[in-house]
Amino acid sequence: MAIKNESIIGTYALLRNDLFSRQDIFPWLACLYVSPEQRGRKIGSQLMKHALQETEKKGHSKLSLCTDLNGYYEKYGWIHITNAFIFTGDETKVYEASTLN
């Protein structure tokens, strides 16, 4: 979590599974969120960096995520590796980033 003045301003989760259609991919970055009034202050990028560090500590060399956003994660070095399907049957993009520096 990112905290400012005792208030949560950002968060993320690390999950074993985020897509039923891609049980072969893990771990996942999920639920990345920064409060609207804090956006544009690089908090999201700091949370992603922290997630990659924690993933590496757990012995994984890569972290994946799925999203319908265009352009955001690419700015931070995430690579589009495939498309997959979410629970509704809609398609989503799957990205990957290396935890190795």
C-alpha atoms as a PDB file:
ATOM      1  CA  MET A   1       0.000   0.000   0.000  1.00  0.00           C
ATOM      2  CA  ALA A   2       0.994   3.597  -0.537  1.00  0.00           C
ATOM      3  CA  ILE A   3       0.081   5.754   2.449  1.00  0.00           C
ATOM      4  CA  LYS A   4       0.060   9.524   2.838  1.00  0.00           C
ATOM      5  CA  ASN A   5      -1.018  11.309   6.014  1.00  0.00           C
ATOM      6  CA  GLU A   6      -2.352   8.015   7.393  1.00  0.00           C
ATOM      7  CA  SER A   7      -4.615   7.527   4.342  1.00  0.00           C
ATOM      8  CA  ILE A   8      -4.271   4.795   1.757  1.00  0.00           C
ATOM      9  CA  ILE A   9      -3.599   6.460  -1.597  1.00  0.00           C
ATOM     10  CA  GLY A  10      -2.593   3.407  -3.629  1.00  0.00           C
ATOM     11  CA  THR A  11      -2.539  -0.353  -3.564  1.00  0.00           C
ATOM     12  CA  TYR A  12      -1.906  -3.533  -5.549  1.00  0.00           C
ATOM     13  CA  ALA A  13      -2.167  -7.285  -5.099  1.00  0.00           C
ATOM     14  CA  LEU A  14       0.067 -10.182  -6.061  1.00  0.00           C
ATOM     15  CA  LEU A  15      -1.993 -13.210  -7.071  1.00  0.00           C
ATOM     16  CA  ARG A  16      -1.282 -16.829  -7.930  1.00  0.00           C
ATOM     17  CA  ASN A  17      -4.011 -16.716 -10.558  1.00  0.00           C
ATOM     18  CA  ASP A  18      -5.853 -13.891 -12.269  1.00  0.00           C
ATOM     19  CA  LEU A  19      -7.252 -15.562 -15.399  1.00  0.00           C
ATOM     20  CA  PHE A  20      -8.984 -18.929 -15.447  1.00  0.00           C
ATOM     21  CA  SER A  21      -8.102 -19.176 -19.139  1.00  0.00           C
ATOM     22  CA  ARG A  22      -4.354 -18.934 -18.380  1.00  0.00           C
ATOM     23  CA  GLN A  23      -3.609 -21.178 -15.422  1.00  0.00           C
ATOM     24  CA  ASP A  24      -0.089 -21.637 -16.839  1.00  0.00           C
ATOM     25  CA  ILE A  25       0.921 -18.023 -16.131  1.00  0.00           C
ATOM     26  CA  PHE A  26       1.840 -16.851 -12.625  1.00  0.00           C
ATOM     27  CA  PRO A  27       2.293 -14.743 -10.528  1.00  0.00           C
ATOM     28  CA  TRP A  28       0.070 -11.804 -11.425  1.00  0.00           C
ATOM     29  CA  LEU A  29       0.008  -8.128 -10.574  1.00  0.00           C
ATOM     30  CA  ALA A  30      -3.619  -7.211  -9.951  1.00  0.00           C
ATOM     31  CA  CYS A  31      -5.759  -4.443  -8.503  1.00  0.00           C
ATOM     32  CA  LEU A  32      -3.220  -1.657  -9.101  1.00  0.00           C
ATOM     33  CA  TYR A  33      -5.023   1.455  -7.938  1.00  0.00           C
ATOM     34  CA  VAL A  34      -4.037   5.033  -7.129  1.00  0.00           C
ATOM     35  CA  SER A  35      -6.618   7.446  -5.749  1.00  0.00           C
ATOM     36  CA  PRO A  36      -7.675   9.999  -8.384  1.00  0.00           C
ATOM     37  CA  GLU A  37      -6.309  13.001  -6.499  1.00  0.00           C
ATOM     38  CA  GLN A  38      -2.854  11.354  -6.292  1.00  0.00           C
ATOM     39  CA  ARG A  39      -2.545  10.327  -9.946  1.00  0.00           C
ATOM     40  CA  GLY A  40       0.268  11.820 -12.002  1.00  0.00           C
ATOM     41  CA  ARG A  41       2.733  11.615  -9.104  1.00  0.00           C
ATOM     42  CA  LYS A  42       4.413   8.331 -10.138  1.00  0.00           C
ATOM     43  CA  ILE A  43       2.784   6.394  -7.297  1.00  0.00           C
ATOM     44  CA  GLY A  44       1.584   3.703  -9.717  1.00  0.00           C
ATOM     45  CA  SER A  45       5.115   3.216 -11.049  1.00  0.00           C
ATOM     46  CA  GLN A  46       6.473   2.981  -7.500  1.00  0.00           C
ATOM     47  CA  LEU A  47       3.860   0.350  -6.644  1.00  0.00           C
ATOM     48  CA  MET A  48       4.771  -1.628  -9.793  1.00  0.00           C
ATOM     49  CA  LYS A  49       8.458  -1.461  -8.869  1.00  0.00           C
ATOM     50  CA  HIS A  50       7.655  -2.697  -5.362  1.00  0.00           C
ATOM     51  CA  ALA A  51       5.547  -5.529  -6.786  1.00  0.00           C
ATOM     52  CA  LEU A  52       8.436  -6.617  -9.025  1.00  0.00           C
ATOM     53  CA  GLN A  53      10.832  -6.555  -6.061  1.00  0.00           C
ATOM     54  CA  GLU A  54       8.469  -8.631  -3.915  1.00  0.00           C
ATOM     55  CA  THR A  55       7.953 -11.081  -6.773  1.00  0.00           C
ATOM     56  CA  GLU A  56      11.706 -11.501  -7.143  1.00  0.00           C
ATOM     57  CA  LYS A  57      12.031 -12.113  -3.369  1.00  0.00           C
ATOM     58  CA  LYS A  58       9.561 -14.972  -3.793  1.00  0.00           C
ATOM     59  CA  GLY A  59      11.844 -16.537  -6.416  1.00  0.00           C
ATOM     60  CA  HIS A  60      10.045 -15.573  -9.628  1.00  0.00           C
ATOM     61  CA  SER A  61      11.852 -14.032 -12.604  1.00  0.00           C
ATOM     62  CA  LYS A  62       8.763 -12.436 -14.154  1.00  0.00           C
ATOM     63  CA  LEU A  63       5.418 -10.931 -13.238  1.00  0.00           C
ATOM     64  CA  SER A  64       2.317 -10.818 -15.429  1.00  0.00           C
ATOM     65  CA  LEU A  65      -0.800  -8.668 -15.565  1.00  0.00           C
ATOM     66  CA  CYS A  66      -3.915  -8.357 -17.676  1.00  0.00           C
ATOM     67  CA  THR A  67      -5.535  -5.104 -18.667  1.00  0.00           C
ATOM     68  CA  ASP A  68      -7.686  -3.306 -21.188  1.00  0.00           C
ATOM     69  CA  LEU A  69      -5.621  -0.115 -20.848  1.00  0.00           C
ATOM     70  CA  ASN A  70      -3.636   1.040 -23.855  1.00  0.00           C
ATOM     71  CA  GLY A  71      -0.180   2.534 -23.426  1.00  0.00           C
ATOM     72  CA  TYR A  72       0.082   2.743 -19.638  1.00  0.00           C
ATOM     73  CA  TYR A  73       2.085  -0.351 -18.784  1.00  0.00           C
ATOM     74  CA  GLU A  74       4.247  -0.130 -21.892  1.00  0.00           C
ATOM     75  CA  LYS A  75       5.665   3.151 -20.519  1.00  0.00           C
ATOM     76  CA  TYR A  76       7.124   1.149 -17.646  1.00  0.00           C
ATOM     77  CA  GLY A  77       8.671  -1.642 -19.688  1.00  0.00           C
ATOM     78  CA  TRP A  78       5.847  -4.189 -19.624  1.00  0.00           C
ATOM     79  CA  ILE A  79       5.706  -6.284 -22.797  1.00  0.00           C
ATOM     80  CA  HIS A  80       2.485  -7.503 -24.410  1.00  0.00           C
ATOM     81  CA  ILE A  81       2.942 -11.291 -24.661  1.00  0.00           C
ATOM     82  CA  THR A  82      -0.510 -12.552 -25.636  1.00  0.00           C
ATOM     83  CA  ASN A  83      -4.242 -12.050 -25.381  1.00  0.00           C
ATOM     84  CA  ALA A  84      -6.484 -14.161 -23.170  1.00  0.00           C
ATOM     85  CA  PHE A  85     -10.106 -14.343 -22.053  1.00  0.00           C
ATOM     86  CA  ILE A  86     -11.621 -13.074 -18.817  1.00  0.00           C
ATOM     87  CA  PHE A  87     -14.539 -14.756 -17.031  1.00  0.00           C
ATOM     88  CA  THR A  88     -17.119 -12.969 -19.210  1.00  0.00           C
ATOM     89  CA  GLY A  89     -15.548 -14.329 -22.389  1.00  0.00           C
ATOM     90  CA  ASP A  90     -14.178 -10.921 -23.349  1.00  0.00           C
ATOM     91  CA  GLU A  91     -10.602 -10.680 -24.543  1.00  0.00           C
ATOM     92  CA  THR A  92      -7.883  -8.930 -22.524  1.00  0.00           C
ATOM     93  CA  LYS A  93      -4.218  -8.180 -23.088  1.00  0.00           C
ATOM     94  CA  VAL A  94      -1.595 -10.034 -21.043  1.00  0.00           C
ATOM     95  CA  TYR A  95       1.684  -8.286 -20.229  1.00  0.00           C
ATOM     96  CA  GLU A  96       4.895  -9.460 -18.614  1.00  0.00           C
ATOM     97  CA  ALA A  97       7.820  -7.729 -16.899  1.00  0.00           C
ATOM     98  CA  SER A  98      11.095  -9.149 -15.689  1.00  0.00           C
ATOM     99  CA  THR A  99      11.911  -9.003 -12.007  1.00  0.00           C
ATOM    100  CA  LEU A 100      15.634  -9.205 -12.750  1.00  0.00           C
ATOM    101  CA  ASN A 101      17.468  -5.906 -12.712  1.00  0.00           C
END
